[in-house]
Amino acid sequence: MGEPRFAARYEDRYGEAPISQAAAYYDVVHLIGHGLDDVGSGSLQTWLSGVAEFVGVQGIYSPNTYANGELSRSVQIIQMNKDQVTQLTHYDEGICRIRCGD
């Protein structure tokens, strides 16, 4: 995954292991943080539309690829615990690719 220190950084900040959904929230907060660092008081939307690639915990986001605000059309549902990250399912372009219907 894109941010190998995620679980450790999360535990340092919050004093407990992340829940399964925490990675998605983490990515969004850090993506917006990077944008604000880059543009300051400028337009975050303009900045996002120029970002070709942002590597997050759940994969690579490509804000400038889609004209409708989507960051990715690849969605992974992951489960995280203290010892491992497990991919539960994966959709790409709306098609289930891994563990469909299990």
PDB file of N, CA and C in Angstrom:
ATOM      1  N   MET A   1       0.834  -1.179   0.000  1.00  0.00           N
ATOM      2  CA  MET A   1       0.000   0.000   0.000  1.00  0.00           C
ATOM      3  C   MET A   1       0.882   1.247   0.000  1.00  0.00           C
ATOM      4  N   GLY A   2       0.264   2.372  -0.261  1.00  0.00           N
ATOM      5  CA  GLY A   2       1.020   3.591  -0.431  1.00  0.00           C
ATOM      6  C   GLY A   2       1.692   4.159   0.807  1.00  0.00           C
ATOM      7  N   GLU A   3       1.131   3.995   1.974  1.00  0.00           N
ATOM      8  CA  GLU A   3       1.671   4.609   3.185  1.00  0.00           C
ATOM      9  C   GLU A   3       1.941   3.511   4.213  1.00  0.00           C
ATOM     10  N   PRO A   4       3.128   2.918   4.165  1.00  0.00           N
ATOM     11  CA  PRO A   4       3.413   1.762   5.026  1.00  0.00           C
ATOM     12  C   PRO A   4       3.441   2.083   6.509  1.00  0.00           C
ATOM     13  N   ARG A   5       3.609   3.340   6.875  1.00  0.00           N
ATOM     14  CA  ARG A   5       3.674   3.712   8.288  1.00  0.00           C
ATOM     15  C   ARG A   5       2.309   4.092   8.842  1.00  0.00           C
ATOM     16  N   PHE A   6       1.254   3.894   8.085  1.00  0.00           N
ATOM     17  CA  PHE A   6      -0.070   4.338   8.494  1.00  0.00           C
ATOM     18  C   PHE A   6      -0.471   3.829   9.876  1.00  0.00           C
ATOM     19  N   ALA A   7      -0.437   2.525  10.081  1.00  0.00           N
ATOM     20  CA  ALA A   7      -0.896   1.963  11.356  1.00  0.00           C
ATOM     21  C   ALA A   7      -0.073   2.507  12.524  1.00  0.00           C
ATOM     22  N   ALA A   8       1.231   2.588  12.357  1.00  0.00           N
ATOM     23  CA  ALA A   8       2.090   3.094  13.433  1.00  0.00           C
ATOM     24  C   ALA A   8       1.789   4.563  13.716  1.00  0.00           C
ATOM     25  N   ARG A   9       1.629   5.352  12.666  1.00  0.00           N
ATOM     26  CA  ARG A   9       1.329   6.779  12.852  1.00  0.00           C
ATOM     27  C   ARG A   9      -0.045   6.964  13.505  1.00  0.00           C
ATOM     28  N   TYR A  10      -0.999   6.141  13.109  1.00  0.00           N
ATOM     29  CA  TYR A  10      -2.336   6.204  13.687  1.00  0.00           C
ATOM     30  C   TYR A  10      -2.282   5.884  15.182  1.00  0.00           C
ATOM     31  N   GLU A  11      -1.566   4.804  15.511  1.00  0.00           N
ATOM     32  CA  GLU A  11      -1.443   4.409  16.916  1.00  0.00           C
ATOM     33  C   GLU A  11      -0.730   5.480  17.737  1.00  0.00           C
ATOM     34  N   ASP A  12       0.310   6.086  17.179  1.00  0.00           N
ATOM     35  CA  ASP A  12       1.010   7.168  17.882  1.00  0.00           C
ATOM     36  C   ASP A  12       0.056   8.331  18.169  1.00  0.00           C
ATOM     37  N   ARG A  13      -0.783   8.653  17.222  1.00  0.00           N
ATOM     38  CA  ARG A  13      -1.686   9.809  17.356  1.00  0.00           C
ATOM     39  C   ARG A  13      -2.852   9.531  18.282  1.00  0.00           C
ATOM     40  N   TYR A  14      -3.474   8.328  18.130  1.00  0.00           N
ATOM     41  CA  TYR A  14      -4.721   8.056  18.839  1.00  0.00           C
ATOM     42  C   TYR A  14      -4.602   7.034  19.975  1.00  0.00           C
ATOM     43  N   GLY A  15      -3.444   6.392  20.109  1.00  0.00           N
ATOM     44  CA  GLY A  15      -3.235   5.457  21.197  1.00  0.00           C
ATOM     45  C   GLY A  15      -3.925   4.125  21.047  1.00  0.00           C
ATOM     46  N   GLU A  16      -4.375   3.808  19.852  1.00  0.00           N
ATOM     47  CA  GLU A  16      -5.016   2.515  19.581  1.00  0.00           C
ATOM     48  C   GLU A  16      -4.873   2.191  18.108  1.00  0.00           C
ATOM     49  N   ALA A  17      -5.063   0.929  17.772  1.00  0.00           N
ATOM     50  CA  ALA A  17      -4.969   0.496  16.371  1.00  0.00           C
ATOM     51  C   ALA A  17      -6.142   1.063  15.574  1.00  0.00           C
ATOM     52  N   PRO A  18      -5.938   1.328  14.279  1.00  0.00           N
ATOM     53  CA  PRO A  18      -7.024   1.859  13.452  1.00  0.00           C
ATOM     54  C   PRO A  18      -8.114   0.821  13.200  1.00  0.00           C
ATOM     55  N   ILE A  19      -9.361   1.293  13.079  1.00  0.00           N
ATOM     56  CA  ILE A  19     -10.451   0.413  12.676  1.00  0.00           C
ATOM     57  C   ILE A  19     -10.371   0.220  11.160  1.00  0.00           C
ATOM     58  N   SER A  20     -11.145  -0.707  10.640  1.00  0.00           N
ATOM     59  CA  SER A  20     -11.076  -1.060   9.217  1.00  0.00           C
ATOM     60  C   SER A  20     -11.268   0.121   8.282  1.00  0.00           C
ATOM     61  N   GLN A  21     -12.150   1.041   8.603  1.00  0.00           N
ATOM     62  CA  GLN A  21     -12.470   2.153   7.716  1.00  0.00           C
ATOM     63  C   GLN A  21     -11.531   3.338   7.858  1.00  0.00           C
ATOM     64  N   ALA A  22     -10.640   3.323   8.820  1.00  0.00           N
ATOM     65  CA  ALA A  22      -9.818   4.496   9.107  1.00  0.00           C
ATOM     66  C   ALA A  22      -8.945   4.931   7.941  1.00  0.00           C
ATOM     67  N   ALA A  23      -8.492   4.015   7.113  1.00  0.00           N
ATOM     68  CA  ALA A  23      -7.590   4.371   6.014  1.00  0.00           C
ATOM     69  C   ALA A  23      -8.236   5.352   5.039  1.00  0.00           C
ATOM     70  N   ALA A  24      -9.493   5.160   4.724  1.00  0.00           N
ATOM     71  CA  ALA A  24     -10.158   6.057   3.774  1.00  0.00           C
ATOM     72  C   ALA A  24     -10.216   7.476   4.322  1.00  0.00           C
ATOM     73  N   TYR A  25     -10.528   7.624   5.593  1.00  0.00           N
ATOM     74  CA  TYR A  25     -10.598   8.949   6.192  1.00  0.00           C
ATOM     75  C   TYR A  25      -9.211   9.574   6.261  1.00  0.00           C
ATOM     76  N   TYR A  26      -8.228   8.786   6.587  1.00  0.00           N
ATOM     77  CA  TYR A  26      -6.839   9.237   6.678  1.00  0.00           C
ATOM     78  C   TYR A  26      -6.386   9.788   5.325  1.00  0.00           C
ATOM     79  N   ASP A  27      -6.647   9.042   4.260  1.00  0.00           N
ATOM     80  CA  ASP A  27      -6.242   9.479   2.924  1.00  0.00           C
ATOM     81  C   ASP A  27      -6.862  10.823   2.565  1.00  0.00           C
ATOM     82  N   VAL A  28      -8.139  10.983   2.811  1.00  0.00           N
ATOM     83  CA  VAL A  28      -8.818  12.222   2.444  1.00  0.00           C
ATOM     84  C   VAL A  28      -8.244  13.409   3.206  1.00  0.00           C
ATOM     85  N   VAL A  29      -8.039  13.242   4.497  1.00  0.00           N
ATOM     86  CA  VAL A  29      -7.494  14.338   5.295  1.00  0.00           C
ATOM     87  C   VAL A  29      -6.102  14.722   4.810  1.00  0.00           C
ATOM     88  N   HIS A  30      -5.273  13.726   4.512  1.00  0.00           N
ATOM     89  CA  HIS A  30      -3.922  14.034   4.056  1.00  0.00           C
ATOM     90  C   HIS A  30      -3.903  14.591   2.632  1.00  0.00           C
ATOM     91  N   LEU A  31      -4.785  14.134   1.783  1.00  0.00           N
ATOM     92  CA  LEU A  31      -4.878  14.692   0.431  1.00  0.00           C
ATOM     93  C   LEU A  31      -5.247  16.174   0.508  1.00  0.00           C
ATOM     94  N   ILE A  32      -6.257  16.506   1.288  1.00  0.00           N
ATOM     95  CA  ILE A  32      -6.658  17.907   1.425  1.00  0.00           C
ATOM     96  C   ILE A  32      -5.545  18.719   2.074  1.00  0.00           C
ATOM     97  N   GLY A  33      -4.872  18.149   3.062  1.00  0.00           N
ATOM     98  CA  GLY A  33      -3.754  18.837   3.701  1.00  0.00           C
ATOM     99  C   GLY A  33      -2.648  19.170   2.724  1.00  0.00           C
ATOM    100  N   HIS A  34      -2.323  18.220   1.845  1.00  0.00           N
ATOM    101  CA  HIS A  34      -1.306  18.478   0.821  1.00  0.00           C
ATOM    102  C   HIS A  34      -1.762  19.606  -0.106  1.00  0.00           C
ATOM    103  N   GLY A  35      -3.044  19.592  -0.458  1.00  0.00           N
ATOM    104  CA  GLY A  35      -3.568  20.642  -1.324  1.00  0.00           C
ATOM    105  C   GLY A  35      -3.489  22.008  -0.681  1.00  0.00           C
ATOM    106  N   LEU A  36      -3.877  22.095   0.568  1.00  0.00           N
ATOM    107  CA  LEU A  36      -3.819  23.385   1.261  1.00  0.00           C
ATOM    108  C   LEU A  36      -2.385  23.863   1.427  1.00  0.00           C
ATOM    109  N   ASP A  37      -1.457  22.932   1.657  1.00  0.00           N
ATOM    110  CA  ASP A  37      -0.043  23.312   1.729  1.00  0.00           C
ATOM    111  C   ASP A  37       0.428  23.898   0.404  1.00  0.00           C
ATOM    112  N   ASP A  38      -0.046  23.322  -0.697  1.00  0.00           N
ATOM    113  CA  ASP A  38       0.387  23.778  -2.018  1.00  0.00           C
ATOM    114  C   ASP A  38      -0.232  25.114  -2.431  1.00  0.00           C
ATOM    115  N   VAL A  39      -1.518  25.299  -2.160  1.00  0.00           N
ATOM    116  CA  VAL A  39      -2.198  26.479  -2.691  1.00  0.00           C
ATOM    117  C   VAL A  39      -2.502  27.544  -1.654  1.00  0.00           C
ATOM    118  N   GLY A  40      -2.278  27.245  -0.382  1.00  0.00           N
ATOM    119  CA  GLY A  40      -2.588  28.236   0.652  1.00  0.00           C
ATOM    120  C   GLY A  40      -4.034  28.647   0.579  1.00  0.00           C
ATOM    121  N   SER A  41      -4.268  29.912   0.353  1.00  0.00           N
ATOM    122  CA  SER A  41      -5.648  30.392   0.289  1.00  0.00           C
ATOM    123  C   SER A  41      -6.228  30.302  -1.121  1.00  0.00           C
ATOM    124  N   GLY A  42      -5.478  29.702  -2.033  1.00  0.00           N
ATOM    125  CA  GLY A  42      -5.966  29.539  -3.409  1.00  0.00           C
ATOM    126  C   GLY A  42      -7.060  28.497  -3.497  1.00  0.00           C
ATOM    127  N   SER A  43      -7.396  28.114  -4.689  1.00  0.00           N
ATOM    128  CA  SER A  43      -8.503  27.199  -4.933  1.00  0.00           C
ATOM    129  C   SER A  43      -8.071  25.741  -4.793  1.00  0.00           C
ATOM    130  N   LEU A  44      -8.610  25.054  -3.812  1.00  0.00           N
ATOM    131  CA  LEU A  44      -8.319  23.636  -3.621  1.00  0.00           C
ATOM    132  C   LEU A  44      -8.827  22.820  -4.814  1.00  0.00           C
ATOM    133  N   GLN A  45      -9.995  23.173  -5.339  1.00  0.00           N
ATOM    134  CA  GLN A  45     -10.542  22.443  -6.488  1.00  0.00           C
ATOM    135  C   GLN A  45      -9.611  22.562  -7.699  1.00  0.00           C
ATOM    136  N   THR A  46      -9.072  23.743  -7.928  1.00  0.00           N
ATOM    137  CA  THR A  46      -8.128  23.923  -9.029  1.00  0.00           C
ATOM    138  C   THR A  46      -6.888  23.084  -8.796  1.00  0.00           C
ATOM    139  N   TRP A  47      -6.411  23.070  -7.564  1.00  0.00           N
ATOM    140  CA  TRP A  47      -5.233  22.257  -7.231  1.00  0.00           C
ATOM    141  C   TRP A  47      -5.520  20.776  -7.469  1.00  0.00           C
ATOM    142  N   LEU A  48      -6.673  20.296  -6.982  1.00  0.00           N
ATOM    143  CA  LEU A  48      -7.018  18.877  -7.159  1.00  0.00           C
ATOM    144  C   LEU A  48      -7.088  18.501  -8.630  1.00  0.00           C
ATOM    145  N   SER A  49      -7.638  19.370  -9.458  1.00  0.00           N
ATOM    146  CA  SER A  49      -7.769  19.029 -10.877  1.00  0.00           C
ATOM    147  C   SER A  49      -6.423  18.967 -11.584  1.00  0.00           C
ATOM    148  N   GLY A  50      -5.365  19.437 -10.946  1.00  0.00           N
ATOM    149  CA  GLY A  50      -4.025  19.342 -11.523  1.00  0.00           C
ATOM    150  C   GLY A  50      -3.189  18.210 -10.966  1.00  0.00           C
ATOM    151  N   VAL A  51      -3.719  17.484  -9.977  1.00  0.00           N
ATOM    152  CA  VAL A  51      -2.965  16.385  -9.353  1.00  0.00           C
ATOM    153  C   VAL A  51      -3.143  15.111 -10.175  1.00  0.00           C
ATOM    154  N   ALA A  52      -2.052  14.632 -10.748  1.00  0.00           N
ATOM    155  CA  ALA A  52      -2.110  13.417 -11.556  1.00  0.00           C
ATOM    156  C   ALA A  52      -2.103  12.161 -10.701  1.00  0.00           C
ATOM    157  N   GLU A  53      -1.418  12.224  -9.548  1.00  0.00           N
ATOM    158  CA  GLU A  53      -1.293  11.018  -8.736  1.00  0.00           C
ATOM    159  C   GLU A  53      -1.067  11.384  -7.275  1.00  0.00           C
ATOM    160  N   PHE A  54      -1.871  10.785  -6.404  1.00  0.00           N
ATOM    161  CA  PHE A  54      -1.689  10.906  -4.956  1.00  0.00           C
ATOM    162  C   PHE A  54      -1.696   9.496  -4.395  1.00  0.00           C
ATOM    163  N   VAL A  55      -0.616   9.099  -3.747  1.00  0.00           N
ATOM    164  CA  VAL A  55      -0.500   7.745  -3.205  1.00  0.00           C
ATOM    165  C   VAL A  55      -1.009   7.763  -1.773  1.00  0.00           C
ATOM    166  N   GLY A  56      -2.049   6.980  -1.516  1.00  0.00           N
ATOM    167  CA  GLY A  56      -2.638   6.872  -0.188  1.00  0.00           C
ATOM    168  C   GLY A  56      -2.556   5.451   0.331  1.00  0.00           C
ATOM    169  N   VAL A  57      -3.131   5.212   1.480  1.00  0.00           N
ATOM    170  CA  VAL A  57      -3.115   3.883   2.089  1.00  0.00           C
ATOM    171  C   VAL A  57      -3.848   2.872   1.216  1.00  0.00           C
ATOM    172  N   GLN A  58      -4.961   3.288   0.632  1.00  0.00           N
ATOM    173  CA  GLN A  58      -5.770   2.354  -0.149  1.00  0.00           C
ATOM    174  C   GLN A  58      -5.380   2.276  -1.626  1.00  0.00           C
ATOM    175  N   GLY A  59      -4.398   3.038  -2.037  1.00  0.00           N
ATOM    176  CA  GLY A  59      -3.982   2.966  -3.430  1.00  0.00           C
ATOM    177  C   GLY A  59      -3.652   4.330  -3.989  1.00  0.00           C
ATOM    178  N   ILE A  60      -3.719   4.432  -5.296  1.00  0.00           N
ATOM    179  CA  ILE A  60      -3.355   5.667  -5.981  1.00  0.00           C
ATOM    180  C   ILE A  60      -4.627   6.391  -6.416  1.00  0.00           C
ATOM    181  N   TYR A  61      -4.708   7.663  -6.070  1.00  0.00           N
ATOM    182  CA  TYR A  61      -5.828   8.505  -6.465  1.00  0.00           C
ATOM    183  C   TYR A  61      -5.371   9.408  -7.603  1.00  0.00           C
ATOM    184  N   SER A  62      -6.261   9.645  -8.570  1.00  0.00           N
ATOM    185  CA  SER A  62      -5.923  10.448  -9.741  1.00  0.00           C
ATOM    186  C   SER A  62      -6.981  11.534  -9.955  1.00  0.00           C
ATOM    187  N   PRO A  63      -6.959  12.591  -9.149  1.00  0.00           N
ATOM    188  CA  PRO A  63      -7.998  13.616  -9.241  1.00  0.00           C
ATOM    189  C   PRO A  63      -8.132  14.274 -10.608  1.00  0.00           C
ATOM    190  N   ASN A  64      -7.040  14.421 -11.361  1.00  0.00           N
ATOM    191  CA  ASN A  64      -7.158  15.121 -12.640  1.00  0.00           C
ATOM    192  C   ASN A  64      -7.664  14.231 -13.775  1.00  0.00           C
ATOM    193  N   THR A  65      -7.888  12.957 -13.507  1.00  0.00           N
ATOM    194  CA  THR A  65      -8.361  12.038 -14.541  1.00  0.00           C
ATOM    195  C   THR A  65      -9.854  12.197 -14.806  1.00  0.00           C
ATOM    196  N   TYR A  66     -10.608  12.487 -13.759  1.00  0.00           N
ATOM    197  CA  TYR A  66     -12.069  12.541 -13.864  1.00  0.00           C
ATOM    198  C   TYR A  66     -12.534  13.988 -13.715  1.00  0.00           C
ATOM    199  N   ALA A  67     -13.525  14.366 -14.499  1.00  0.00           N
ATOM    200  CA  ALA A  67     -14.002  15.749 -14.476  1.00  0.00           C
ATOM    201  C   ALA A  67     -15.145  15.963 -13.482  1.00  0.00           C
ATOM    202  N   ASN A  68     -15.496  14.933 -12.719  1.00  0.00           N
ATOM    203  CA  ASN A  68     -16.660  15.032 -11.842  1.00  0.00           C
ATOM    204  C   ASN A  68     -16.317  14.965 -10.354  1.00  0.00           C
ATOM    205  N   GLY A  69     -15.069  15.134 -10.002  1.00  0.00           N
ATOM    206  CA  GLY A  69     -14.676  15.124  -8.604  1.00  0.00           C
ATOM    207  C   GLY A  69     -14.255  13.769  -8.068  1.00  0.00           C
ATOM    208  N   GLU A  70     -14.421  12.715  -8.867  1.00  0.00           N
ATOM    209  CA  GLU A  70     -13.972  11.401  -8.414  1.00  0.00           C
ATOM    210  C   GLU A  70     -12.451  11.398  -8.281  1.00  0.00           C
ATOM    211  N   LEU A  71     -11.972  10.677  -7.297  1.00  0.00           N
ATOM    212  CA  LEU A  71     -10.533  10.532  -7.106  1.00  0.00           C
ATOM    213  C   LEU A  71     -10.020   9.232  -7.697  1.00  0.00           C
ATOM    214  N   SER A  72     -10.897   8.238  -7.766  1.00  0.00           N
ATOM    215  CA  SER A  72     -10.493   6.919  -8.240  1.00  0.00           C
ATOM    216  C   SER A  72     -11.744   6.135  -8.582  1.00  0.00           C
ATOM    217  N   ARG A  73     -11.623   5.233  -9.496  1.00  0.00           N
ATOM    218  CA  ARG A  73     -12.716   4.301  -9.772  1.00  0.00           C
ATOM    219  C   ARG A  73     -12.312   2.891  -9.362  1.00  0.00           C
ATOM    220  N   SER A  74     -11.270   2.840  -8.583  1.00  0.00           N
ATOM    221  CA  SER A  74     -10.810   1.585  -8.004  1.00  0.00           C
ATOM    222  C   SER A  74     -11.026   1.683  -6.500  1.00  0.00           C
ATOM    223  N   VAL A  75     -11.848   0.815  -5.963  1.00  0.00           N
ATOM    224  CA  VAL A  75     -12.186   0.855  -4.547  1.00  0.00           C
ATOM    225  C   VAL A  75     -11.802  -0.467  -3.902  1.00  0.00           C
ATOM    226  N   GLN A  76     -11.054  -0.371  -2.828  1.00  0.00           N
ATOM    227  CA  GLN A  76     -10.697  -1.550  -2.057  1.00  0.00           C
ATOM    228  C   GLN A  76     -11.341  -1.442  -0.683  1.00  0.00           C
ATOM    229  N   ILE A  77     -11.899  -2.535  -0.238  1.00  0.00           N
ATOM    230  CA  ILE A  77     -12.391  -2.603   1.126  1.00  0.00           C
ATOM    231  C   ILE A  77     -11.331  -3.392   1.883  1.00  0.00           C
ATOM    232  N   ILE A  78     -10.708  -2.732   2.850  1.00  0.00           N
ATOM    233  CA  ILE A  78      -9.623  -3.383   3.578  1.00  0.00           C
ATOM    234  C   ILE A  78      -9.954  -3.461   5.057  1.00  0.00           C
ATOM    235  N   GLN A  79      -9.332  -4.414   5.705  1.00  0.00           N
ATOM    236  CA  GLN A  79      -9.448  -4.559   7.147  1.00  0.00           C
ATOM    237  C   GLN A  79      -8.048  -4.443   7.720  1.00  0.00           C
ATOM    238  N   MET A  80      -7.921  -3.644   8.741  1.00  0.00           N
ATOM    239  CA  MET A  80      -6.603  -3.444   9.339  1.00  0.00           C
ATOM    240  C   MET A  80      -6.667  -3.828  10.807  1.00  0.00           C
ATOM    241  N   ASN A  81      -5.638  -4.506  11.253  1.00  0.00           N
ATOM    242  CA  ASN A  81      -5.477  -4.715  12.679  1.00  0.00           C
ATOM    243  C   ASN A  81      -4.018  -4.475  13.008  1.00  0.00           C
ATOM    244  N   LYS A  82      -3.643  -4.712  14.223  1.00  0.00           N
ATOM    245  CA  LYS A  82      -2.290  -4.372  14.663  1.00  0.00           C
ATOM    246  C   LYS A  82      -1.208  -5.090  13.867  1.00  0.00           C
ATOM    247  N   ASP A  83      -1.487  -6.287  13.387  1.00  0.00           N
ATOM    248  CA  ASP A  83      -0.472  -7.111  12.741  1.00  0.00           C
ATOM    249  C   ASP A  83      -0.532  -7.154  11.223  1.00  0.00           C
ATOM    250  N   GLN A  84      -1.661  -6.793  10.626  1.00  0.00           N
ATOM    251  CA  GLN A  84      -1.745  -6.954   9.175  1.00  0.00           C
ATOM    252  C   GLN A  84      -2.844  -6.105   8.552  1.00  0.00           C
ATOM    253  N   VAL A  85      -2.732  -5.953   7.239  1.00  0.00           N
ATOM    254  CA  VAL A  85      -3.761  -5.323   6.420  1.00  0.00           C
ATOM    255  C   VAL A  85      -4.287  -6.409   5.494  1.00  0.00           C
ATOM    256  N   THR A  86      -5.601  -6.615   5.495  1.00  0.00           N
ATOM    257  CA  THR A  86      -6.215  -7.654   4.671  1.00  0.00           C
ATOM    258  C   THR A  86      -7.180  -7.009   3.691  1.00  0.00           C
ATOM    259  N   GLN A  87      -7.026  -7.321   2.418  1.00  0.00           N
ATOM    260  CA  GLN A  87      -7.954  -6.815   1.411  1.00  0.00           C
ATOM    261  C   GLN A  87      -9.182  -7.727   1.412  1.00  0.00           C
ATOM    262  N   LEU A  88     -10.349  -7.154   1.692  1.00  0.00           N
ATOM    263  CA  LEU A  88     -11.575  -7.934   1.732  1.00  0.00           C
ATOM    264  C   LEU A  88     -12.216  -8.065   0.354  1.00  0.00           C
ATOM    265  N   THR A  89     -12.189  -6.987  -0.421  1.00  0.00           N
ATOM    266  CA  THR A  89     -12.702  -7.021  -1.792  1.00  0.00           C
ATOM    267  C   THR A  89     -12.110  -5.846  -2.563  1.00  0.00           C
ATOM    268  N   HIS A  90     -12.237  -5.883  -3.890  1.00  0.00           N
ATOM    269  CA  HIS A  90     -11.672  -4.834  -4.734  1.00  0.00           C
ATOM    270  C   HIS A  90     -12.571  -4.658  -5.953  1.00  0.00           C
ATOM    271  N   TYR A  91     -12.969  -3.419  -6.182  1.00  0.00           N
ATOM    272  CA  TYR A  91     -13.745  -3.057  -7.364  1.00  0.00           C
ATOM    273  C   TYR A  91     -12.899  -2.143  -8.238  1.00  0.00           C
ATOM    274  N   ASP A  92     -12.932  -2.369  -9.542  1.00  0.00           N
ATOM    275  CA  ASP A  92     -12.217  -1.517 -10.479  1.00  0.00           C
ATOM    276  C   ASP A  92     -13.171  -1.145 -11.597  1.00  0.00           C
ATOM    277  N   GLU A  93     -13.360   0.171 -11.803  1.00  0.00           N
ATOM    278  CA  GLU A  93     -14.322   0.662 -12.799  1.00  0.00           C
ATOM    279  C   GLU A  93     -15.709   0.047 -12.579  1.00  0.00           C
ATOM    280  N   GLY A  94     -16.087  -0.150 -11.312  1.00  0.00           N
ATOM    281  CA  GLY A  94     -17.404  -0.684 -10.970  1.00  0.00           C
ATOM    282  C   GLY A  94     -17.539  -2.187 -11.074  1.00  0.00           C
ATOM    283  N   ILE A  95     -16.478  -2.877 -11.444  1.00  0.00           N
ATOM    284  CA  ILE A  95     -16.509  -4.338 -11.578  1.00  0.00           C
ATOM    285  C   ILE A  95     -15.761  -4.961 -10.413  1.00  0.00           C
ATOM    286  N   CYS A  96     -16.398  -5.903  -9.746  1.00  0.00           N
ATOM    287  CA  CYS A  96     -15.745  -6.587  -8.641  1.00  0.00           C
ATOM    288  C   CYS A  96     -14.666  -7.503  -9.190  1.00  0.00           C
ATOM    289  N   ARG A  97     -13.433  -7.353  -8.657  1.00  0.00           N
ATOM    290  CA  ARG A  97     -12.289  -8.112  -9.150  1.00  0.00           C
ATOM    291  C   ARG A  97     -11.803  -9.177  -8.174  1.00  0.00           C
ATOM    292  N   ILE A  98     -11.974  -8.935  -6.871  1.00  0.00           N
ATOM    293  CA  ILE A  98     -11.439  -9.847  -5.872  1.00  0.00           C
ATOM    294  C   ILE A  98     -12.496 -10.131  -4.818  1.00  0.00           C
ATOM    295  N   ARG A  99     -12.678 -11.391  -4.490  1.00  0.00           N
ATOM    296  CA  ARG A  99     -13.618 -11.856  -3.450  1.00  0.00           C
ATOM    297  C   ARG A  99     -15.023 -11.324  -3.665  1.00  0.00           C
ATOM    298  N   CYS A 100     -15.547 -11.559  -4.816  1.00  0.00           N
ATOM    299  CA  CYS A 100     -16.874 -11.096  -5.180  1.00  0.00           C
ATOM    300  C   CYS A 100     -17.928 -12.105  -4.694  1.00  0.00           C
ATOM    301  N   GLY A 101     -18.860 -11.633  -3.925  1.00  0.00           N
ATOM    302  CA  GLY A 101     -19.944 -12.495  -3.465  1.00  0.00           C
ATOM    303  C   GLY A 101     -19.579 -13.512  -2.413  1.00  0.00           C
ATOM    304  N   ASP A 102     -18.403 -13.377  -1.817  1.00  0.00           N
ATOM    305  CA  ASP A 102     -18.007 -14.327  -0.768  1.00  0.00           C
ATOM    306  C   ASP A 102     -18.827 -14.124   0.474  1.00  0.00           C
TER     307      ASP A 102
END
